[in-house]
Amino acid sequence: MQNFSFHNPTKILFGAGEIANLSAEVPAQARVLITYGGGSVTRNGTLDEVRTALGGRTVFEFSGIEPNPTYETLMRAVELARREKIDFLLAVGGGSVIDGTKFIAAAVPFTGEPWDIIAKQAPFDAAVPFGSVLTLPATGSEMNCGAVITRAATQDKLFFINPLVYPLFSVLDPVKTMTLPPRQVANGVIDAFTHVVEQYLTYPVNSPVQDRFAEGLLLTLI
């Protein structure tokens, strides 16, 4: 047996049409930066739903966060957020967009070299609050406080974790996953399967309850 503490502060809004409830979760006076990746959230109408739900708030957008988000791309978002005095971030997409937004949240108020947050695990005591609208289930980034970021210039792919970058809330509308092409669905299933297996096989700590949870998830994914 290993001792542990567990606390997950992320509020989950699950179900069809839950994007409409964003208005109750994002402060009315917030200056919001929506972050997203490619064009899928535009083509399937998700971005329009998010814009509508945010109503009259001051909203900016940053697109182009790639799979395995890069430091170079994210720093452009950091510069935008600083310039426009953004005080709330909203990630719309899959795990990579949410990971990238966690880094943006940490980097905006950071006074040193932001890469140190990842490369040196530099401590920080503030982050821009953010929420997420999940469109691709895979990594669990929508309800954890870790992120994987790549530096394109050196191909370093590193991880950081900090409780200040838990999403305040995450909207999980399963209808959005039905618009995904089969290849993306398969990628998400494989990603989720791999993450569960990592924990299932790594620690032999005689935890039969957690093992049964893991086996149930793996069987469901199969």
Protein backbone atom coordinates (compact mmCIF):
# COMPACT_ATOMS: atom_id res chain seq x y z
CA MET A 1 0.00 0.00 0.00
CA GLN A 2 1.11 3.55 -0.74
CA ASN A 3 -0.22 6.65 0.97
CA PHE A 4 -1.78 9.31 -1.23
CA SER A 5 -3.82 12.49 -1.18
CA PHE A 6 -6.48 13.06 -3.82
CA HIS A 7 -8.22 16.31 -4.72
CA ASN A 8 -9.67 17.21 -8.11
CA PRO A 9 -11.13 20.72 -8.20
CA THR A 10 -12.24 20.65 -11.86
CA LYS A 11 -15.99 21.01 -12.31
CA ILE A 12 -17.35 18.75 -15.05
CA LEU A 13 -20.32 19.81 -17.18
CA PHE A 14 -21.28 16.63 -19.02
CA GLY A 15 -23.94 16.17 -21.67
CA ALA A 16 -25.40 17.43 -24.91
CA GLY A 17 -25.81 21.18 -25.12
CA GLU A 18 -23.68 21.94 -22.05
CA ILE A 19 -21.63 24.53 -23.96
CA ALA A 20 -24.56 26.90 -23.48
CA ASN A 21 -23.80 26.89 -19.74
CA LEU A 22 -20.39 28.51 -20.24
CA SER A 23 -21.99 31.84 -19.42
CA ALA A 24 -22.47 30.74 -15.81
CA GLU A 25 -18.86 29.60 -15.46
CA VAL A 26 -16.86 32.45 -17.05
CA PRO A 27 -16.83 35.75 -15.11
CA ALA A 28 -19.08 38.32 -16.76
CA GLN A 29 -16.37 40.99 -16.95
CA ALA A 30 -13.60 38.65 -18.10
CA ARG A 31 -11.30 39.39 -21.00
CA VAL A 32 -11.28 35.94 -22.57
CA LEU A 33 -8.76 34.32 -24.89
CA ILE A 34 -10.15 31.29 -26.72
CA THR A 35 -7.40 28.86 -27.71
CA TYR A 36 -7.86 26.14 -30.30
CA GLY A 37 -6.03 24.10 -32.91
CA GLY A 38 -7.06 23.58 -36.51
CA GLY A 39 -10.31 24.12 -38.33
CA SER A 40 -12.43 21.27 -36.94
CA VAL A 41 -13.97 23.36 -34.16
CA THR A 42 -14.97 25.87 -36.82
CA ARG A 43 -16.35 23.31 -39.26
CA ASN A 44 -18.44 21.44 -36.71
CA GLY A 45 -19.92 24.59 -35.18
CA THR A 46 -18.33 24.23 -31.75
CA LEU A 47 -16.53 27.56 -31.93
CA ASP A 48 -19.74 29.37 -32.88
CA GLU A 49 -21.51 27.78 -29.91
CA VAL A 50 -18.72 28.93 -27.60
CA ARG A 51 -18.84 32.48 -28.96
CA THR A 52 -22.61 32.60 -28.51
CA ALA A 53 -22.39 31.28 -24.95
CA LEU A 54 -19.81 33.93 -24.01
CA GLY A 55 -22.27 36.65 -25.04
CA GLY A 56 -21.01 40.22 -24.71
CA ARG A 57 -17.70 39.43 -23.03
CA THR A 58 -14.51 40.81 -24.56
CA VAL A 59 -13.16 37.84 -26.51
CA PHE A 60 -9.92 37.24 -28.40
CA GLU A 61 -8.92 34.09 -30.26
CA PHE A 62 -5.67 32.24 -30.81
CA SER A 63 -5.63 29.34 -33.28
CA GLY A 64 -2.95 26.98 -34.54
CA ILE A 65 -2.02 25.02 -31.40
CA GLU A 66 -0.67 21.86 -32.96
CA PRO A 67 -0.70 18.22 -31.80
CA ASN A 68 2.17 17.98 -29.33
CA PRO A 69 2.01 21.76 -28.78
CA THR A 70 5.23 23.67 -29.24
CA TYR A 71 6.74 26.27 -26.98
CA GLU A 72 7.27 28.58 -29.93
CA THR A 73 3.58 28.60 -30.89
CA LEU A 74 2.43 28.94 -27.31
CA MET A 75 4.71 31.91 -26.65
CA ARG A 76 2.87 33.81 -29.38
CA ALA A 77 -0.32 33.23 -27.40
CA VAL A 78 1.44 34.35 -24.22
CA GLU A 79 2.46 37.60 -25.92
CA LEU A 80 -1.12 38.15 -27.11
CA ALA A 81 -2.52 37.47 -23.64
CA ARG A 82 -0.09 39.87 -22.01
CA ARG A 83 -0.68 42.58 -24.59
CA GLU A 84 -4.48 42.39 -24.33
CA LYS A 85 -4.52 41.92 -20.53
CA ILE A 86 -6.32 38.59 -20.76
CA ASP A 87 -7.64 37.37 -17.42
CA PHE A 88 -9.41 34.16 -18.49
CA LEU A 89 -8.44 31.42 -20.95
CA LEU A 90 -10.80 28.97 -22.64
CA ALA A 91 -9.32 25.94 -24.38
CA VAL A 92 -11.53 24.46 -27.10
CA GLY A 93 -10.19 21.20 -28.47
CA GLY A 94 -8.43 18.02 -27.44
CA GLY A 95 -5.61 17.25 -25.03
CA SER A 96 -2.94 19.14 -26.95
CA VAL A 97 -4.93 22.38 -26.92
CA ILE A 98 -5.64 21.97 -23.22
CA ASP A 99 -1.99 21.13 -22.45
CA GLY A 100 -0.88 24.19 -24.38
CA THR A 101 -3.38 26.37 -22.56
CA LYS A 102 -2.04 25.18 -19.21
CA PHE A 103 1.39 26.41 -20.23
CA ILE A 104 -0.04 29.73 -21.43
CA ALA A 105 -1.86 30.10 -18.10
CA ALA A 106 1.37 29.59 -16.19
CA ALA A 107 3.60 31.62 -18.50
CA VAL A 108 1.56 34.83 -18.73
CA PRO A 109 2.25 36.02 -15.15
CA PHE A 110 5.68 34.32 -14.93
CA THR A 111 8.51 36.82 -14.48
CA GLY A 112 11.43 34.67 -15.64
CA GLU A 113 12.13 32.63 -18.77
CA PRO A 114 8.91 30.67 -19.35
CA TRP A 115 10.74 27.62 -20.71
CA ASP A 116 12.14 27.16 -17.18
CA ILE A 117 8.63 26.18 -16.06
CA ILE A 118 9.10 23.03 -18.12
CA ALA A 119 12.84 22.45 -18.46
CA LYS A 120 13.79 23.34 -14.87
CA GLN A 121 10.45 22.75 -13.18
CA ALA A 122 10.66 26.35 -11.99
CA PRO A 123 8.07 27.03 -9.30
CA PHE A 124 5.31 29.55 -9.89
CA ASP A 125 2.64 30.91 -7.60
CA ALA A 126 0.12 32.34 -10.06
CA ALA A 127 -1.65 31.30 -13.25
CA VAL A 128 -4.40 32.73 -15.41
CA PRO A 129 -7.65 30.87 -14.62
CA PHE A 130 -9.01 28.76 -17.46
CA GLY A 131 -11.66 26.30 -18.49
CA SER A 132 -11.94 23.84 -21.34
CA VAL A 133 -14.42 22.57 -23.90
CA LEU A 134 -13.28 19.06 -24.80
CA THR A 135 -13.79 17.86 -28.38
CA LEU A 136 -11.54 14.77 -28.45
CA PRO A 137 -11.44 12.38 -25.47
CA ALA A 138 -7.99 10.85 -25.10
CA THR A 139 -5.52 12.05 -22.48
CA GLY A 140 -7.56 13.24 -19.50
CA SER A 141 -5.95 16.68 -19.70
CA GLU A 142 -9.39 18.23 -19.20
CA MET A 143 -9.32 17.25 -15.53
CA ASN A 144 -5.70 17.06 -14.46
CA CYS A 145 -2.90 19.55 -13.81
CA GLY A 146 -0.16 18.23 -16.08
CA ALA A 147 0.94 19.08 -19.60
CA VAL A 148 3.48 17.92 -22.19
CA ILE A 149 5.14 20.65 -24.26
CA THR A 150 7.67 20.37 -27.11
CA ARG A 151 10.38 22.87 -28.00
CA ALA A 152 10.54 22.71 -31.78
CA ALA A 153 14.03 24.18 -31.99
CA THR A 154 15.56 21.32 -30.00
CA GLN A 155 12.81 18.66 -30.17
CA ASP A 156 12.80 18.49 -26.37
CA LYS A 157 9.45 17.07 -25.26
CA LEU A 158 8.98 17.67 -21.55
CA PHE A 159 6.31 17.47 -18.87
CA PHE A 160 5.29 19.83 -16.10
CA ILE A 161 2.68 19.55 -13.38
CA ASN A 162 1.29 22.12 -10.97
CA PRO A 163 -2.05 22.31 -9.11
CA LEU A 164 -2.50 25.91 -10.28
CA VAL A 165 -3.25 24.68 -13.80
CA TYR A 166 -6.22 22.49 -13.08
CA PRO A 167 -9.05 23.67 -15.35
CA LEU A 168 -11.71 25.43 -13.28
CA PHE A 169 -14.29 23.56 -15.34
CA SER A 170 -14.48 21.33 -18.38
CA VAL A 171 -17.42 20.92 -20.73
CA LEU A 172 -17.76 17.34 -22.00
CA ASP A 173 -20.42 17.14 -24.70
CA PRO A 174 -20.31 13.62 -26.17
CA VAL A 175 -22.18 14.81 -29.25
CA LYS A 176 -19.02 16.69 -30.29
CA THR A 177 -17.08 13.43 -30.49
CA MET A 178 -19.57 12.11 -33.06
CA THR A 179 -18.28 14.60 -35.62
CA LEU A 180 -14.75 13.19 -35.51
CA PRO A 181 -13.32 11.17 -38.41
CA PRO A 182 -12.69 7.48 -37.65
CA ARG A 183 -8.92 7.98 -37.55
CA GLN A 184 -9.22 10.63 -34.82
CA VAL A 185 -11.56 8.41 -32.81
CA ALA A 186 -9.04 5.58 -33.10
CA ASN A 187 -6.19 7.87 -32.03
CA GLY A 188 -8.16 8.94 -28.97
CA VAL A 189 -8.99 5.36 -27.99
CA ILE A 190 -5.36 4.29 -28.33
CA ASP A 191 -4.17 7.31 -26.36
CA ALA A 192 -6.61 6.63 -23.52
CA PHE A 193 -5.76 2.90 -23.55
CA THR A 194 -2.05 3.65 -23.30
CA HIS A 195 -2.47 6.06 -20.39
CA VAL A 196 -4.52 3.51 -18.43
CA VAL A 197 -2.04 0.71 -19.15
CA GLU A 198 0.83 2.90 -17.97
CA GLN A 199 -0.70 3.16 -14.51
CA TYR A 200 -2.06 -0.40 -14.48
CA LEU A 201 1.29 -2.05 -15.15
CA THR A 202 3.77 0.31 -13.52
CA TYR A 203 3.10 0.02 -9.79
CA PRO A 204 2.64 -3.42 -8.14
CA VAL A 205 1.05 -2.04 -4.96
CA ASN A 206 -1.77 -4.55 -4.36
CA SER A 207 -4.59 -2.15 -5.23
CA PRO A 208 -7.38 -4.45 -6.46
CA VAL A 209 -10.07 -1.75 -6.50
CA GLN A 210 -8.03 0.54 -8.75
CA ASP A 211 -7.01 -2.45 -10.87
CA ARG A 212 -10.67 -3.31 -11.47
CA PHE A 213 -11.33 0.32 -12.46
CA ALA A 214 -8.47 0.11 -14.95
CA GLU A 215 -9.64 -3.23 -16.36
CA GLY A 216 -13.16 -1.88 -16.80
CA LEU A 217 -11.82 1.12 -18.71
CA LEU A 218 -9.62 -1.06 -20.92
CA LEU A 219 -12.47 -3.45 -21.72
CA THR A 220 -14.76 -0.52 -22.55
CA LEU A 221 -12.14 1.02 -24.83
CA ILE A 222 -11.68 -2.32 -26.63
